[in-house]
Amino acid sequence: LLCRAGRLEEAKNVIDKMPMKPNEIIWMSLLSGCRNHGNID
């Protein structure tokens, strides 16, 4: 939800605060958002 809207840092904060270990799909969502919004770092 946050990645599609370009709110990538908020998305990363959600991941960092998850009570369980993020899986590959979670990180791929963030990576896809970075691709769509051009965030290299």
Full PDB file with SEQRES, HELIX, SHEET, SSBOND, CRYST1, ORIGX, SCALE, CONECT and MASTER records, all heavy atoms in Angstrom:
SEQRES   1 A   41  LEU LEU CYS ARG ALA GLY ARG LEU GLU GLU ALA LYS ASN          
SEQRES   2 A   41  VAL ILE ASP LYS MET PRO MET LYS PRO ASN GLU ILE ILE          
SEQRES   3 A   41  TRP MET SER LEU LEU SER GLY CYS ARG ASN HIS GLY ASN          
SEQRES   4 A   41  ILE ASP                                                      
HELIX    1 AA1 LEU A    8  LYS A   17  1                                  10    
HELIX    2 AA2 GLU A   24  HIS A   37  1                                  14    
CRYST1    1.000    1.000    1.000  90.00  90.00  90.00 P 1           1          
ORIGX1      1.000000  0.000000  0.000000        0.00000                         
ORIGX2      0.000000  1.000000  0.000000        0.00000                         
ORIGX3      0.000000  0.000000  1.000000        0.00000                         
SCALE1      1.000000  0.000000  0.000000        0.00000                         
SCALE2      0.000000  1.000000  0.000000        0.00000                         
SCALE3      0.000000  0.000000  1.000000        0.00000                         
ATOM      1  N   LEU A   1       0.832  -1.200   0.000  1.00  0.00           N  
ATOM      2  CA  LEU A   1       0.000   0.000   0.000  1.00  0.00           C  
ATOM      3  C   LEU A   1       0.871   1.256   0.000  1.00  0.00           C  
ATOM      4  O   LEU A   1       0.659   2.187  -0.786  1.00  0.00           O  
ATOM      5  CB  LEU A   1      -0.894  -0.034   1.244  1.00  0.00           C  
ATOM      6  CG  LEU A   1      -1.886   1.090   1.489  1.00  0.00           C  
ATOM      7  CD1 LEU A   1      -3.075   0.953   0.558  1.00  0.00           C  
ATOM      8  CD2 LEU A   1      -2.378   1.056   2.937  1.00  0.00           C  
ATOM      9  N   LEU A   2       1.883   1.269   0.868  1.00  0.00           N  
ATOM     10  CA  LEU A   2       2.760   2.432   0.985  1.00  0.00           C  
ATOM     11  C   LEU A   2       3.714   2.538  -0.196  1.00  0.00           C  
ATOM     12  O   LEU A   2       3.975   3.638  -0.697  1.00  0.00           O  
ATOM     13  CB  LEU A   2       3.548   2.347   2.299  1.00  0.00           C  
ATOM     14  CG  LEU A   2       2.712   2.503   3.580  1.00  0.00           C  
ATOM     15  CD1 LEU A   2       3.482   2.017   4.794  1.00  0.00           C  
ATOM     16  CD2 LEU A   2       2.281   3.952   3.763  1.00  0.00           C  
ATOM     17  N   CYS A   3       4.209   1.387  -0.665  1.00  0.00           N  
ATOM     18  CA  CYS A   3       5.175   1.405  -1.774  1.00  0.00           C  
ATOM     19  C   CYS A   3       4.555   1.914  -3.060  1.00  0.00           C  
ATOM     20  O   CYS A   3       5.174   2.687  -3.809  1.00  0.00           O  
ATOM     21  CB  CYS A   3       5.746   0.006  -1.994  1.00  0.00           C  
ATOM     22  SG  CYS A   3       6.937  -0.509  -0.753  1.00  0.00           S  
ATOM     23  N   ARG A   4       3.345   1.488  -3.354  1.00  0.00           N  
ATOM     24  CA  ARG A   4       2.680   1.947  -4.581  1.00  0.00           C  
ATOM     25  C   ARG A   4       2.514   3.466  -4.584  1.00  0.00           C  
ATOM     26  O   ARG A   4       2.558   4.102  -5.639  1.00  0.00           O  
ATOM     27  CB  ARG A   4       1.312   1.290  -4.724  1.00  0.00           C  
ATOM     28  CG  ARG A   4       1.358  -0.175  -5.113  1.00  0.00           C  
ATOM     29  CD  ARG A   4      -0.064  -0.726  -5.141  1.00  0.00           C  
ATOM     30  NE  ARG A   4      -0.071  -2.167  -5.317  1.00  0.00           N  
ATOM     31  CZ  ARG A   4      -0.129  -2.785  -6.488  1.00  0.00           C  
ATOM     32  NH1 ARG A   4      -0.138  -2.068  -7.595  1.00  0.00           N  
ATOM     33  NH2 ARG A   4      -0.140  -4.091  -6.560  1.00  0.00           N  
ATOM     34  N   ALA A   5       2.291   4.029  -3.385  1.00  0.00           N  
ATOM     35  CA  ALA A   5       2.098   5.470  -3.270  1.00  0.00           C  
ATOM     36  C   ALA A   5       3.414   6.228  -3.175  1.00  0.00           C  
ATOM     37  O   ALA A   5       3.408   7.460  -3.042  1.00  0.00           O  
ATOM     38  CB  ALA A   5       1.238   5.776  -2.052  1.00  0.00           C  
ATOM     39  N   GLY A   6       4.531   5.513  -3.220  1.00  0.00           N  
ATOM     40  CA  GLY A   6       5.835   6.163  -3.167  1.00  0.00           C  
ATOM     41  C   GLY A   6       6.310   6.491  -1.772  1.00  0.00           C  
ATOM     42  O   GLY A   6       7.340   7.153  -1.595  1.00  0.00           O  
ATOM     43  N   ARG A   7       5.588   6.040  -0.758  1.00  0.00           N  
ATOM     44  CA  ARG A   7       5.973   6.319   0.635  1.00  0.00           C  
ATOM     45  C   ARG A   7       6.900   5.200   1.126  1.00  0.00           C  
ATOM     46  O   ARG A   7       6.585   4.403   2.005  1.00  0.00           O  
ATOM     47  CB  ARG A   7       4.714   6.459   1.487  1.00  0.00           C  
ATOM     48  CG  ARG A   7       3.909   7.688   1.098  1.00  0.00           C  
ATOM     49  CD  ARG A   7       2.459   7.691   1.561  1.00  0.00           C  
ATOM     50  NE  ARG A   7       2.291   7.710   2.993  1.00  0.00           N  
ATOM     51  CZ  ARG A   7       1.110   7.950   3.601  1.00  0.00           C  
ATOM     52  NH1 ARG A   7       0.036   8.206   2.863  1.00  0.00           N  
ATOM     53  NH2 ARG A   7       1.019   7.935   4.911  1.00  0.00           N  
ATOM     54  N   LEU A   8       8.081   5.175   0.522  1.00  0.00           N  
ATOM     55  CA  LEU A   8       9.000   4.048   0.687  1.00  0.00           C  
ATOM     56  C   LEU A   8       9.629   3.984   2.074  1.00  0.00           C  
ATOM     57  O   LEU A   8       9.812   2.892   2.624  1.00  0.00           O  
ATOM     58  CB  LEU A   8      10.086   4.120  -0.391  1.00  0.00           C  
ATOM     59  CG  LEU A   8       9.577   4.124  -1.845  1.00  0.00           C  
ATOM     60  CD1 LEU A   8      10.730   4.299  -2.819  1.00  0.00           C  
ATOM     61  CD2 LEU A   8       8.816   2.838  -2.153  1.00  0.00           C  
ATOM     62  N   GLU A   9       9.984   5.124   2.632  1.00  0.00           N  
ATOM     63  CA  GLU A   9      10.585   5.125   3.969  1.00  0.00           C  
ATOM     64  C   GLU A   9       9.582   4.640   5.012  1.00  0.00           C  
ATOM     65  O   GLU A   9       9.946   3.913   5.949  1.00  0.00           O  
ATOM     66  CB  GLU A   9      11.092   6.524   4.325  1.00  0.00           C  
ATOM     67  CG  GLU A   9      12.331   6.956   3.539  1.00  0.00           C  
ATOM     68  CD  GLU A   9      13.552   6.087   3.836  1.00  0.00           C  
ATOM     69  OE1 GLU A   9      13.592   5.466   4.918  1.00  0.00           O  
ATOM     70  OE2 GLU A   9      14.452   6.027   2.972  1.00  0.00           O  
ATOM     71  N   GLU A  10       8.317   5.036   4.844  1.00  0.00           N  
ATOM     72  CA  GLU A  10       7.282   4.543   5.766  1.00  0.00           C  
ATOM     73  C   GLU A  10       7.133   3.035   5.642  1.00  0.00           C  
ATOM     74  O   GLU A  10       6.943   2.321   6.637  1.00  0.00           O  
ATOM     75  CB  GLU A  10       5.944   5.226   5.459  1.00  0.00           C  
ATOM     76  CG  GLU A  10       5.886   6.691   5.843  1.00  0.00           C  
ATOM     77  CD  GLU A  10       4.552   7.304   5.491  1.00  0.00           C  
ATOM     78  OE1 GLU A  10       3.538   6.915   6.117  1.00  0.00           O  
ATOM     79  OE2 GLU A  10       4.505   8.162   4.585  1.00  0.00           O  
ATOM     80  N   ALA A  11       7.217   2.551   4.393  1.00  0.00           N  
ATOM     81  CA  ALA A  11       7.117   1.104   4.157  1.00  0.00           C  
ATOM     82  C   ALA A  11       8.256   0.381   4.861  1.00  0.00           C  
ATOM     83  O   ALA A  11       8.051  -0.667   5.497  1.00  0.00           O  
ATOM     84  CB  ALA A  11       7.144   0.802   2.667  1.00  0.00           C  
ATOM     85  N   LYS A  12       9.455   0.945   4.771  1.00  0.00           N  
ATOM     86  CA  LYS A  12      10.615   0.332   5.435  1.00  0.00           C  
ATOM     87  C   LYS A  12      10.424   0.342   6.956  1.00  0.00           C  
ATOM     88  O   LYS A  12      10.794  -0.626   7.645  1.00  0.00           O  
ATOM     89  CB  LYS A  12      11.897   1.062   5.070  1.00  0.00           C  
ATOM     90  CG  LYS A  12      13.147   0.431   5.700  1.00  0.00           C  
ATOM     91  CD  LYS A  12      14.406   1.179   5.308  1.00  0.00           C  
ATOM     92  CE  LYS A  12      15.621   0.565   6.000  1.00  0.00           C  
ATOM     93  NZ  LYS A  12      15.567   0.691   7.471  1.00  0.00           N  
ATOM     94  N   ASN A  13       9.846   1.410   7.488  1.00  0.00           N  
ATOM     95  CA  ASN A  13       9.592   1.471   8.930  1.00  0.00           C  
ATOM     96  C   ASN A  13       8.623   0.383   9.372  1.00  0.00           C  
ATOM     97  O   ASN A  13       8.784  -0.212  10.446  1.00  0.00           O  
ATOM     98  CB  ASN A  13       9.038   2.852   9.309  1.00  0.00           C  
ATOM     99  CG  ASN A  13      10.096   3.940   9.228  1.00  0.00           C  
ATOM    100  OD1 ASN A  13      11.294   3.656   9.296  1.00  0.00           O  
ATOM    101  ND2 ASN A  13       9.667   5.183   9.064  1.00  0.00           N  
ATOM    102  N   VAL A  14       7.604   0.136   8.537  1.00  0.00           N  
ATOM    103  CA  VAL A  14       6.658  -0.943   8.850  1.00  0.00           C  
ATOM    104  C   VAL A  14       7.395  -2.274   8.901  1.00  0.00           C  
ATOM    105  O   VAL A  14       7.196  -3.093   9.806  1.00  0.00           O  
ATOM    106  CB  VAL A  14       5.520  -0.994   7.795  1.00  0.00           C  
ATOM    107  CG1 VAL A  14       4.687  -2.270   7.971  1.00  0.00           C  
ATOM    108  CG2 VAL A  14       4.629   0.231   7.912  1.00  0.00           C  
ATOM    109  N   ILE A  15       8.274  -2.498   7.927  1.00  0.00           N  
ATOM    110  CA  ILE A  15       9.045  -3.749   7.880  1.00  0.00           C  
ATOM    111  C   ILE A  15       9.921  -3.885   9.123  1.00  0.00           C  
ATOM    112  O   ILE A  15       9.989  -4.958   9.740  1.00  0.00           O  
ATOM    113  CB  ILE A  15       9.910  -3.806   6.597  1.00  0.00           C  
ATOM    114  CG1 ILE A  15       9.026  -3.818   5.356  1.00  0.00           C  
ATOM    115  CG2 ILE A  15      10.814  -5.038   6.618  1.00  0.00           C  
ATOM    116  CD1 ILE A  15       9.787  -3.687   4.044  1.00  0.00           C  
ATOM    117  N   ASP A  16      10.579  -2.790   9.492  1.00  0.00           N  
ATOM    118  CA  ASP A  16      11.488  -2.832  10.649  1.00  0.00           C  
ATOM    119  C   ASP A  16      10.751  -3.125  11.961  1.00  0.00           C  
ATOM    120  O   ASP A  16      11.331  -3.702  12.892  1.00  0.00           O  
ATOM    121  CB  ASP A  16      12.227  -1.491  10.776  1.00  0.00           C  
ATOM    122  CG  ASP A  16      13.237  -1.277   9.660  1.00  0.00           C  
ATOM    123  OD1 ASP A  16      13.630  -2.280   9.018  1.00  0.00           O  
ATOM    124  OD2 ASP A  16      13.609  -0.117   9.407  1.00  0.00           O  
ATOM    125  N   LYS A  17       9.464  -2.763  12.027  1.00  0.00           N  
ATOM    126  CA  LYS A  17       8.702  -2.932  13.268  1.00  0.00           C  
ATOM    127  C   LYS A  17       7.843  -4.192  13.283  1.00  0.00           C  
ATOM    128  O   LYS A  17       7.126  -4.441  14.254  1.00  0.00           O  
ATOM    129  CB  LYS A  17       7.822  -1.701  13.497  1.00  0.00           C  
ATOM    130  CG  LYS A  17       8.623  -0.429  13.784  1.00  0.00           C  
ATOM    131  CD  LYS A  17       7.711   0.786  13.923  1.00  0.00           C  
ATOM    132  CE  LYS A  17       8.538   2.062  14.166  1.00  0.00           C  
ATOM    133  NZ  LYS A  17       7.661   3.259  14.255  1.00  0.00           N  
ATOM    134  N   MET A  18       7.900  -4.971  12.215  1.00  0.00           N  
ATOM    135  CA  MET A  18       7.113  -6.208  12.181  1.00  0.00           C  
ATOM    136  C   MET A  18       7.541  -7.147  13.300  1.00  0.00           C  
ATOM    137  O   MET A  18       8.737  -7.270  13.574  1.00  0.00           O  
ATOM    138  CB  MET A  18       7.301  -6.916  10.828  1.00  0.00           C  
ATOM    139  CG  MET A  18       6.542  -6.290   9.679  1.00  0.00           C  
ATOM    140  SD  MET A  18       7.043  -6.975   8.061  1.00  0.00           S  
ATOM    141  CE  MET A  18       6.836  -8.733   8.349  1.00  0.00           C  
ATOM    142  N   PRO A  19       6.586  -7.825  13.940  1.00  0.00           N  
ATOM    143  CA  PRO A  19       6.942  -8.742  15.035  1.00  0.00           C  
ATOM    144  C   PRO A  19       7.540 -10.053  14.547  1.00  0.00           C  
ATOM    145  O   PRO A  19       8.034 -10.842  15.348  1.00  0.00           O  
ATOM    146  CB  PRO A  19       5.598  -8.988  15.734  1.00  0.00           C  
ATOM    147  CG  PRO A  19       4.575  -8.769  14.679  1.00  0.00           C  
ATOM    148  CD  PRO A  19       5.126  -7.692  13.794  1.00  0.00           C  
ATOM    149  N   MET A  20       7.462 -10.295  13.245  1.00  0.00           N  
ATOM    150  CA  MET A  20       8.062 -11.512  12.684  1.00  0.00           C  
ATOM    151  C   MET A  20       9.114 -11.122  11.649  1.00  0.00           C  
ATOM    152  O   MET A  20       9.161  -9.975  11.191  1.00  0.00           O  
ATOM    153  CB  MET A  20       6.985 -12.425  12.055  1.00  0.00           C  
ATOM    154  CG  MET A  20       6.361 -11.915  10.782  1.00  0.00           C  
ATOM    155  SD  MET A  20       5.116 -10.611  11.014  1.00  0.00           S  
ATOM    156  CE  MET A  20       3.783 -11.540  11.771  1.00  0.00           C  
ATOM    157  N   LYS A  21       9.963 -12.078  11.280  1.00  0.00           N  
ATOM    158  CA  LYS A  21      11.015 -11.812  10.311  1.00  0.00           C  
ATOM    159  C   LYS A  21      10.407 -11.611   8.925  1.00  0.00           C  
ATOM    160  O   LYS A  21       9.627 -12.447   8.471  1.00  0.00           O  
ATOM    161  CB  LYS A  21      12.008 -12.979  10.285  1.00  0.00           C  
ATOM    162  CG  LYS A  21      13.207 -12.748   9.375  1.00  0.00           C  
ATOM    163  CD  LYS A  21      14.171 -13.918   9.430  1.00  0.00           C  
ATOM    164  CE  LYS A  21      15.366 -13.680   8.510  1.00  0.00           C  
ATOM    165  NZ  LYS A  21      16.308 -14.832   8.532  1.00  0.00           N  
ATOM    166  N   PRO A  22      10.742 -10.520   8.238  1.00  0.00           N  
ATOM    167  CA  PRO A  22      10.196 -10.292   6.894  1.00  0.00           C  
ATOM    168  C   PRO A  22      10.633 -11.399   5.939  1.00  0.00           C  
ATOM    169  O   PRO A  22      11.772 -11.866   6.006  1.00  0.00           O  
ATOM    170  CB  PRO A  22      10.793  -8.949   6.481  1.00  0.00           C  
ATOM    171  CG  PRO A  22      11.347  -8.345   7.708  1.00  0.00           C  
ATOM    172  CD  PRO A  22      11.656  -9.452   8.653  1.00  0.00           C  
ATOM    173  N   ASN A  23       9.730 -11.804   5.064  1.00  0.00           N  
ATOM    174  CA  ASN A  23      10.095 -12.828   4.089  1.00  0.00           C  
ATOM    175  C   ASN A  23      10.492 -12.184   2.761  1.00  0.00           C  
ATOM    176  O   ASN A  23      10.507 -10.955   2.622  1.00  0.00           O  
ATOM    177  CB  ASN A  23       8.940 -13.828   3.895  1.00  0.00           C  
ATOM    178  CG  ASN A  23       7.668 -13.160   3.391  1.00  0.00           C  
ATOM    179  OD1 ASN A  23       7.668 -12.013   2.939  1.00  0.00           O  
ATOM    180  ND2 ASN A  23       6.564 -13.880   3.466  1.00  0.00           N  
ATOM    181  N   GLU A  24      10.788 -13.018   1.802  1.00  0.00           N  
ATOM    182  CA  GLU A  24      11.244 -12.540   0.492  1.00  0.00           C  
ATOM    183  C   GLU A  24      10.191 -11.661  -0.180  1.00  0.00           C  
ATOM    184  O   GLU A  24      10.514 -10.657  -0.830  1.00  0.00           O  
ATOM    185  CB  GLU A  24      11.556 -13.753  -0.389  1.00  0.00           C  
ATOM    186  CG  GLU A  24      12.030 -13.410  -1.779  1.00  0.00           C  
ATOM    187  CD  GLU A  24      12.135 -14.652  -2.650  1.00  0.00           C  
ATOM    188  OE1 GLU A  24      12.221 -15.771  -2.113  1.00  0.00           O  
ATOM    189  OE2 GLU A  24      12.109 -14.499  -3.887  1.00  0.00           O  
ATOM    190  N   ILE A  25       8.910 -12.020  -0.028  1.00  0.00           N  
ATOM    191  CA  ILE A  25       7.834 -11.276  -0.684  1.00  0.00           C  
ATOM    192  C   ILE A  25       7.767  -9.843  -0.164  1.00  0.00           C  
ATOM    193  O   ILE A  25       7.570  -8.896  -0.934  1.00  0.00           O  
ATOM    194  CB  ILE A  25       6.486 -11.994  -0.472  1.00  0.00           C  
ATOM    195  CG1 ILE A  25       6.511 -13.371  -1.142  1.00  0.00           C  
ATOM    196  CG2 ILE A  25       5.330 -11.167  -1.012  1.00  0.00           C  
ATOM    197  CD1 ILE A  25       5.317 -14.243  -0.821  1.00  0.00           C  
ATOM    198  N   ILE A  26       7.950  -9.671   1.134  1.00  0.00           N  
ATOM    199  CA  ILE A  26       7.920  -8.333   1.737  1.00  0.00           C  
ATOM    200  C   ILE A  26       9.018  -7.457   1.142  1.00  0.00           C  
ATOM    201  O   ILE A  26       8.782  -6.320   0.709  1.00  0.00           O  
ATOM    202  CB  ILE A  26       8.104  -8.419   3.268  1.00  0.00           C  
ATOM    203  CG1 ILE A  26       6.939  -9.185   3.912  1.00  0.00           C  
ATOM    204  CG2 ILE A  26       8.285  -7.041   3.877  1.00  0.00           C  
ATOM    205  CD1 ILE A  26       5.693  -8.394   4.123  1.00  0.00           C  
ATOM    206  N   TRP A  27      10.240  -8.003   1.110  1.00  0.00           N  
ATOM    207  CA  TRP A  27      11.362  -7.218   0.582  1.00  0.00           C  
ATOM    208  C   TRP A  27      11.211  -6.975  -0.923  1.00  0.00           C  
ATOM    209  O   TRP A  27      11.601  -5.921  -1.424  1.00  0.00           O  
ATOM    210  CB  TRP A  27      12.687  -7.924   0.872  1.00  0.00           C  
ATOM    211  CG  TRP A  27      13.080  -7.903   2.325  1.00  0.00           C  
ATOM    212  CD1 TRP A  27      13.218  -8.967   3.165  1.00  0.00           C  
ATOM    213  CD2 TRP A  27      13.391  -6.743   3.100  1.00  0.00           C  
ATOM    214  NE1 TRP A  27      13.583  -8.552   4.418  1.00  0.00           N  
ATOM    215  CE2 TRP A  27      13.701  -7.188   4.415  1.00  0.00           C  
ATOM    216  CE3 TRP A  27      13.432  -5.377   2.830  1.00  0.00           C  
ATOM    217  CZ2 TRP A  27      14.043  -6.318   5.438  1.00  0.00           C  
ATOM    218  CZ3 TRP A  27      13.770  -4.500   3.863  1.00  0.00           C  
ATOM    219  CH2 TRP A  27      14.079  -4.969   5.139  1.00  0.00           C  
ATOM    220  N   MET A  28      10.625  -7.937  -1.643  1.00  0.00           N  
ATOM    221  CA  MET A  28      10.397  -7.755  -3.079  1.00  0.00           C  
ATOM    222  C   MET A  28       9.378  -6.643  -3.329  1.00  0.00           C  
ATOM    223  O   MET A  28       9.480  -5.904  -4.315  1.00  0.00           O  
ATOM    224  CB  MET A  28       9.928  -9.057  -3.723  1.00  0.00           C  
ATOM    225  CG  MET A  28      11.036 -10.073  -3.956  1.00  0.00           C  
ATOM    226  SD  MET A  28      12.238  -9.564  -5.218  1.00  0.00           S  
ATOM    227  CE  MET A  28      11.295  -9.819  -6.713  1.00  0.00           C  
ATOM    228  N   SER A  29       8.404  -6.497  -2.444  1.00  0.00           N  
ATOM    229  CA  SER A  29       7.434  -5.397  -2.563  1.00  0.00           C  
ATOM    230  C   SER A  29       8.142  -4.058  -2.442  1.00  0.00           C  
ATOM    231  O   SER A  29       7.881  -3.122  -3.211  1.00  0.00           O  
ATOM    232  CB  SER A  29       6.347  -5.510  -1.487  1.00  0.00           C  
ATOM    233  OG  SER A  29       5.496  -6.594  -1.732  1.00  0.00           O  
ATOM    234  N   LEU A  30       9.049  -3.969  -1.459  1.00  0.00           N  
ATOM    235  CA  LEU A  30       9.807  -2.728  -1.288  1.00  0.00           C  
ATOM    236  C   LEU A  30      10.698  -2.485  -2.497  1.00  0.00           C  
ATOM    237  O   LEU A  30      10.794  -1.352  -3.004  1.00  0.00           O  
ATOM    238  CB  LEU A  30      10.639  -2.792  -0.005  1.00  0.00           C  
ATOM    239  CG  LEU A  30      11.469  -1.544   0.321  1.00  0.00           C  
ATOM    240  CD1 LEU A  30      10.577  -0.317   0.464  1.00  0.00           C  
ATOM    241  CD2 LEU A  30      12.279  -1.763   1.597  1.00  0.00           C  
ATOM    242  N   LEU A  31      11.336  -3.538  -2.983  1.00  0.00           N  
ATOM    243  CA  LEU A  31      12.210  -3.403  -4.151  1.00  0.00           C  
ATOM    244  C   LEU A  31      11.413  -2.962  -5.379  1.00  0.00           C  
ATOM    245  O   LEU A  31      11.862  -2.099  -6.152  1.00  0.00           O  
ATOM    246  CB  LEU A  31      12.907  -4.740  -4.428  1.00  0.00           C  
ATOM    247  CG  LEU A  31      13.872  -4.799  -5.622  1.00  0.00           C  
ATOM    248  CD1 LEU A  31      14.967  -3.752  -5.486  1.00  0.00           C  
ATOM    249  CD2 LEU A  31      14.484  -6.195  -5.731  1.00  0.00           C  
ATOM    250  N   SER A  32      10.235  -3.519  -5.558  1.00  0.00           N  
ATOM    251  CA  SER A  32       9.375  -3.135  -6.678  1.00  0.00           C  
ATOM    252  C   SER A  32       8.969  -1.664  -6.572  1.00  0.00           C  
ATOM    253  O   SER A  32       8.946  -0.934  -7.567  1.00  0.00           O  
ATOM    254  CB  SER A  32       8.137  -4.024  -6.715  1.00  0.00           C  
ATOM    255  OG  SER A  32       7.304  -3.699  -7.791  1.00  0.00           O  
ATOM    256  N   GLY A  33       8.652  -1.230  -5.340  1.00  0.00           N  
ATOM    257  CA  GLY A  33       8.325   0.173  -5.139  1.00  0.00           C  
ATOM    258  C   GLY A  33       9.497   1.077  -5.477  1.00  0.00           C  
ATOM    259  O   GLY A  33       9.322   2.156  -6.058  1.00  0.00           O  
ATOM    260  N   CYS A  34      10.699   0.635  -5.119  1.00  0.00           N  
ATOM    261  CA  CYS A  34      11.904   1.414  -5.440  1.00  0.00           C  
ATOM    262  C   CYS A  34      12.116   1.482  -6.950  1.00  0.00           C  
ATOM    263  O   CYS A  34      12.559   2.507  -7.484  1.00  0.00           O  
ATOM    264  CB  CYS A  34      13.122   0.789  -4.769  1.00  0.00           C  
ATOM    265  SG  CYS A  34      13.105   0.916  -2.972  1.00  0.00           S  
ATOM    266  N   ARG A  35      11.796   0.392  -7.651  1.00  0.00           N  
ATOM    267  CA  ARG A  35      11.906   0.395  -9.107  1.00  0.00           C  
ATOM    268  C   ARG A  35      10.920   1.401  -9.715  1.00  0.00           C  
ATOM    269  O   ARG A  35      11.278   2.194 -10.580  1.00  0.00           O  
ATOM    270  CB  ARG A  35      11.626  -1.009  -9.645  1.00  0.00           C  
ATOM    271  CG  ARG A  35      11.970  -1.177 -11.115  1.00  0.00           C  
ATOM    272  CD  ARG A  35      10.865  -1.443 -12.092  1.00  0.00           C  
ATOM    273  NE  ARG A  35       9.567  -1.796 -11.624  1.00  0.00           N  
ATOM    274  CZ  ARG A  35       8.922  -2.853 -12.023  1.00  0.00           C  
ATOM    275  NH1 ARG A  35       9.490  -3.702 -12.847  1.00  0.00           N  
ATOM    276  NH2 ARG A  35       7.681  -3.070 -11.614  1.00  0.00           N  
ATOM    277  N   ASN A  36       9.692   1.383  -9.223  1.00  0.00           N  
ATOM    278  CA  ASN A  36       8.665   2.266  -9.788  1.00  0.00           C  
ATOM    279  C   ASN A  36       8.924   3.738  -9.488  1.00  0.00           C  
ATOM    280  O   ASN A  36       8.523   4.607 -10.262  1.00  0.00           O  
ATOM    281  CB  ASN A  36       7.284   1.878  -9.240  1.00  0.00           C  
ATOM    282  CG  ASN A  36       6.861   0.498  -9.704  1.00  0.00           C  
ATOM    283  OD1 ASN A  36       7.322  -0.007 -10.716  1.00  0.00           O  
ATOM    284  ND2 ASN A  36       5.960  -0.127  -8.943  1.00  0.00           N  
ATOM    285  N   HIS A  37       9.600   4.002  -8.348  1.00  0.00           N  
ATOM    286  CA  HIS A  37       9.804   5.399  -7.938  1.00  0.00           C  
ATOM    287  C   HIS A  37      11.273   5.823  -7.977  1.00  0.00           C  
ATOM    288  O   HIS A  37      11.625   6.897  -7.493  1.00  0.00           O  
ATOM    289  CB  HIS A  37       9.217   5.613  -6.537  1.00  0.00           C  
ATOM    290  CG  HIS A  37       7.729   5.418  -6.483  1.00  0.00           C  
ATOM    291  ND1 HIS A  37       6.837   6.369  -6.905  1.00  0.00           N  
ATOM    292  CD2 HIS A  37       6.981   4.342  -6.094  1.00  0.00           C  
ATOM    293  CE1 HIS A  37       5.596   5.904  -6.762  1.00  0.00           C  
ATOM    294  NE2 HIS A  37       5.662   4.685  -6.268  1.00  0.00           N  
ATOM    295  N   GLY A  38      12.131   4.961  -8.546  1.00  0.00           N  
ATOM    296  CA  GLY A  38      13.516   5.348  -8.816  1.00  0.00           C  
ATOM    297  C   GLY A  38      14.388   5.579  -7.605  1.00  0.00           C  
ATOM    298  O   GLY A  38      15.273   6.436  -7.635  1.00  0.00           O  
ATOM    299  N   ASN A  39      14.190   4.845  -6.538  1.00  0.00           N  
ATOM    300  CA  ASN A  39      15.005   5.003  -5.332  1.00  0.00           C  
ATOM    301  C   ASN A  39      16.114   3.948  -5.345  1.00  0.00           C  
ATOM    302  O   ASN A  39      15.896   2.785  -5.010  1.00  0.00           O  
ATOM    303  CB  ASN A  39      14.123   4.848  -4.088  1.00  0.00           C  
ATOM    304  CG  ASN A  39      14.854   5.244  -2.813  1.00  0.00           C  
ATOM    305  OD1 ASN A  39      16.021   4.915  -2.629  1.00  0.00           O  
ATOM    306  ND2 ASN A  39      14.156   5.942  -1.922  1.00  0.00           N  
ATOM    307  N   ILE A  40      17.315   4.367  -5.730  1.00  0.00           N  
ATOM    308  CA  ILE A  40      18.423   3.427  -5.911  1.00  0.00           C  
ATOM    309  C   ILE A  40      18.933   2.888  -4.577  1.00  0.00           C  
ATOM    310  O   ILE A  40      19.105   1.674  -4.403  1.00  0.00           O  
ATOM    311  CB  ILE A  40      19.574   4.097  -6.687  1.00  0.00           C  
ATOM    312  CG1 ILE A  40      19.099   4.491  -8.088  1.00  0.00           C  
ATOM    313  CG2 ILE A  40      20.774   3.150  -6.795  1.00  0.00           C  
ATOM    314  CD1 ILE A  40      20.122   5.311  -8.860  1.00  0.00           C  
ATOM    315  N   ASP A  41      19.181   3.775  -3.613  1.00  0.00           N  
ATOM    316  CA  ASP A  41      19.783   3.356  -2.340  1.00  0.00           C  
ATOM    317  C   ASP A  41      18.900   2.350  -1.603  1.00  0.00           C  
ATOM    318  O   ASP A  41      19.368   1.287  -1.155  1.00  0.00           O  
ATOM    319  CB  ASP A  41      20.045   4.576  -1.452  1.00  0.00           C  
ATOM    320  CG  ASP A  41      21.135   5.476  -2.013  1.00  0.00           C  
ATOM    321  OD1 ASP A  41      21.932   4.970  -2.838  1.00  0.00           O  
ATOM    322  OD2 ASP A  41      21.180   6.665  -1.644  1.00  0.00           O  
TER     323      ASP A  41                                                      
MASTER        0    0    0    2    0    0    0    6  322    1    0    4          
END                                                                             
